Amino acid sequence: MTSETRYLIGEMELKMMKKTAYLINTSRGAVLDEDTLCRALREG
């Protein structure tokens, strides 16, 4: 994990996804900002 890859998937990337898309994280957990993901799922 580097500073360039930490939270590589954030709010902007999640907003670009279609509502019907699946996100499968096969990398280290910190690549995905989980708090932002939870907020995006709640807000739709």
N, C-alpha and C. Protein backbone atom coordinates (compact mmCIF):
# COMPACT_ATOMS: atom_id res chain seq x y z
N MET A 1 0.84 -1.17 0.00
CA MET A 1 0.00 0.00 0.00
C MET A 1 0.89 1.23 0.00
N THR A 2 0.61 2.14 -0.92
CA THR A 2 1.35 3.40 -0.99
C THR A 2 0.36 4.55 -0.87
N SER A 3 0.87 5.75 -0.74
CA SER A 3 -0.02 6.91 -0.66
C SER A 3 -0.78 7.11 -1.97
N GLU A 4 -0.22 6.61 -3.08
CA GLU A 4 -0.91 6.74 -4.37
C GLU A 4 -2.06 5.75 -4.52
N THR A 5 -1.98 4.62 -3.84
CA THR A 5 -3.03 3.60 -3.98
C THR A 5 -4.03 3.60 -2.83
N ARG A 6 -3.70 4.24 -1.72
CA ARG A 6 -4.65 4.31 -0.60
C ARG A 6 -5.86 5.13 -1.04
N TYR A 7 -7.04 4.56 -0.86
CA TYR A 7 -8.31 5.20 -1.23
C TYR A 7 -8.35 5.59 -2.70
N LEU A 8 -7.81 4.74 -3.54
CA LEU A 8 -7.83 4.96 -4.98
C LEU A 8 -9.27 5.04 -5.49
N ILE A 9 -10.17 4.27 -4.88
CA ILE A 9 -11.59 4.33 -5.20
C ILE A 9 -12.26 5.17 -4.13
N GLY A 10 -12.72 6.34 -4.53
CA GLY A 10 -13.34 7.28 -3.59
C GLY A 10 -14.68 7.76 -4.11
N GLU A 11 -15.10 8.89 -3.61
CA GLU A 11 -16.41 9.44 -3.93
C GLU A 11 -16.60 9.67 -5.43
N MET A 12 -15.63 10.27 -6.08
CA MET A 12 -15.77 10.57 -7.51
C MET A 12 -15.94 9.29 -8.33
N GLU A 13 -15.13 8.28 -8.04
CA GLU A 13 -15.20 7.02 -8.78
C GLU A 13 -16.52 6.31 -8.53
N LEU A 14 -17.00 6.35 -7.30
CA LEU A 14 -18.28 5.71 -6.98
C LEU A 14 -19.44 6.42 -7.67
N LYS A 15 -19.39 7.73 -7.75
CA LYS A 15 -20.46 8.49 -8.42
C LYS A 15 -20.50 8.21 -9.92
N MET A 16 -19.37 7.83 -10.50
CA MET A 16 -19.31 7.54 -11.93
C MET A 16 -19.93 6.18 -12.27
N MET A 17 -20.13 5.34 -11.27
CA MET A 17 -20.66 4.00 -11.51
C MET A 17 -22.17 4.05 -11.74
N LYS A 18 -22.66 3.16 -12.59
CA LYS A 18 -24.10 3.03 -12.79
C LYS A 18 -24.72 2.47 -11.52
N LYS A 19 -25.98 2.77 -11.28
CA LYS A 19 -26.69 2.27 -10.10
C LYS A 19 -26.74 0.75 -10.08
N THR A 20 -26.69 0.12 -11.25
CA THR A 20 -26.79 -1.34 -11.34
C THR A 20 -25.42 -2.04 -11.33
N ALA A 21 -24.35 -1.27 -11.18
CA ALA A 21 -23.00 -1.84 -11.21
C ALA A 21 -22.69 -2.62 -9.94
N TYR A 22 -21.78 -3.56 -10.07
CA TYR A 22 -21.25 -4.31 -8.93
C TYR A 22 -19.81 -3.85 -8.71
N LEU A 23 -19.44 -3.73 -7.47
CA LEU A 23 -18.06 -3.39 -7.12
C LEU A 23 -17.47 -4.58 -6.38
N ILE A 24 -16.47 -5.20 -6.97
CA ILE A 24 -15.81 -6.35 -6.36
C ILE A 24 -14.37 -5.94 -6.07
N ASN A 25 -14.06 -5.80 -4.81
CA ASN A 25 -12.73 -5.38 -4.40
C ASN A 25 -11.87 -6.61 -4.12
N THR A 26 -10.96 -6.92 -5.02
CA THR A 26 -10.07 -8.07 -4.83
C THR A 26 -8.69 -7.63 -4.34
N SER A 27 -8.54 -6.36 -4.07
CA SER A 27 -7.26 -5.84 -3.60
C SER A 27 -7.31 -5.63 -2.09
N ARG A 28 -6.30 -5.01 -1.58
CA ARG A 28 -6.28 -4.67 -0.15
C ARG A 28 -7.43 -3.73 0.15
N GLY A 29 -7.97 -3.85 1.33
CA GLY A 29 -9.13 -3.07 1.72
C GLY A 29 -8.95 -1.57 1.62
N ALA A 30 -7.78 -1.07 1.92
CA ALA A 30 -7.57 0.38 1.97
C ALA A 30 -7.56 1.04 0.59
N VAL A 31 -7.61 0.25 -0.48
CA VAL A 31 -7.71 0.84 -1.81
C VAL A 31 -9.09 1.49 -1.98
N LEU A 32 -10.05 0.96 -1.28
CA LEU A 32 -11.43 1.46 -1.33
C LEU A 32 -11.72 2.20 -0.04
N ASP A 33 -12.21 3.42 -0.16
CA ASP A 33 -12.60 4.20 1.01
C ASP A 33 -13.96 3.68 1.48
N GLU A 34 -13.95 2.84 2.51
CA GLU A 34 -15.17 2.16 2.95
C GLU A 34 -16.21 3.13 3.50
N ASP A 35 -15.81 4.19 4.18
CA ASP A 35 -16.77 5.16 4.69
C ASP A 35 -17.51 5.84 3.55
N THR A 36 -16.79 6.17 2.50
CA THR A 36 -17.41 6.79 1.33
C THR A 36 -18.33 5.80 0.63
N LEU A 37 -17.94 4.53 0.56
CA LEU A 37 -18.79 3.50 -0.03
C LEU A 37 -20.09 3.37 0.75
N CYS A 38 -20.02 3.32 2.05
CA CYS A 38 -21.23 3.22 2.88
C CYS A 38 -22.15 4.41 2.67
N ARG A 39 -21.57 5.60 2.61
CA ARG A 39 -22.37 6.80 2.39
C ARG A 39 -23.03 6.76 1.02
N ALA A 40 -22.30 6.33 0.00
CA ALA A 40 -22.86 6.24 -1.35
C ALA A 40 -24.00 5.23 -1.41
N LEU A 41 -23.88 4.13 -0.71
CA LEU A 41 -24.94 3.12 -0.69
C LEU A 41 -26.19 3.64 0.02
N ARG A 42 -26.01 4.39 1.09
CA ARG A 42 -27.15 4.95 1.82
C ARG A 42 -27.86 6.02 1.00
N GLU A 43 -27.09 6.86 0.31
CA GLU A 43 -27.66 7.98 -0.42
C GLU A 43 -28.18 7.60 -1.80
N GLY A 44 -27.74 6.44 -2.29
CA GLY A 44 -28.20 5.98 -3.60
C GLY A 44 -27.46 6.63 -4.66
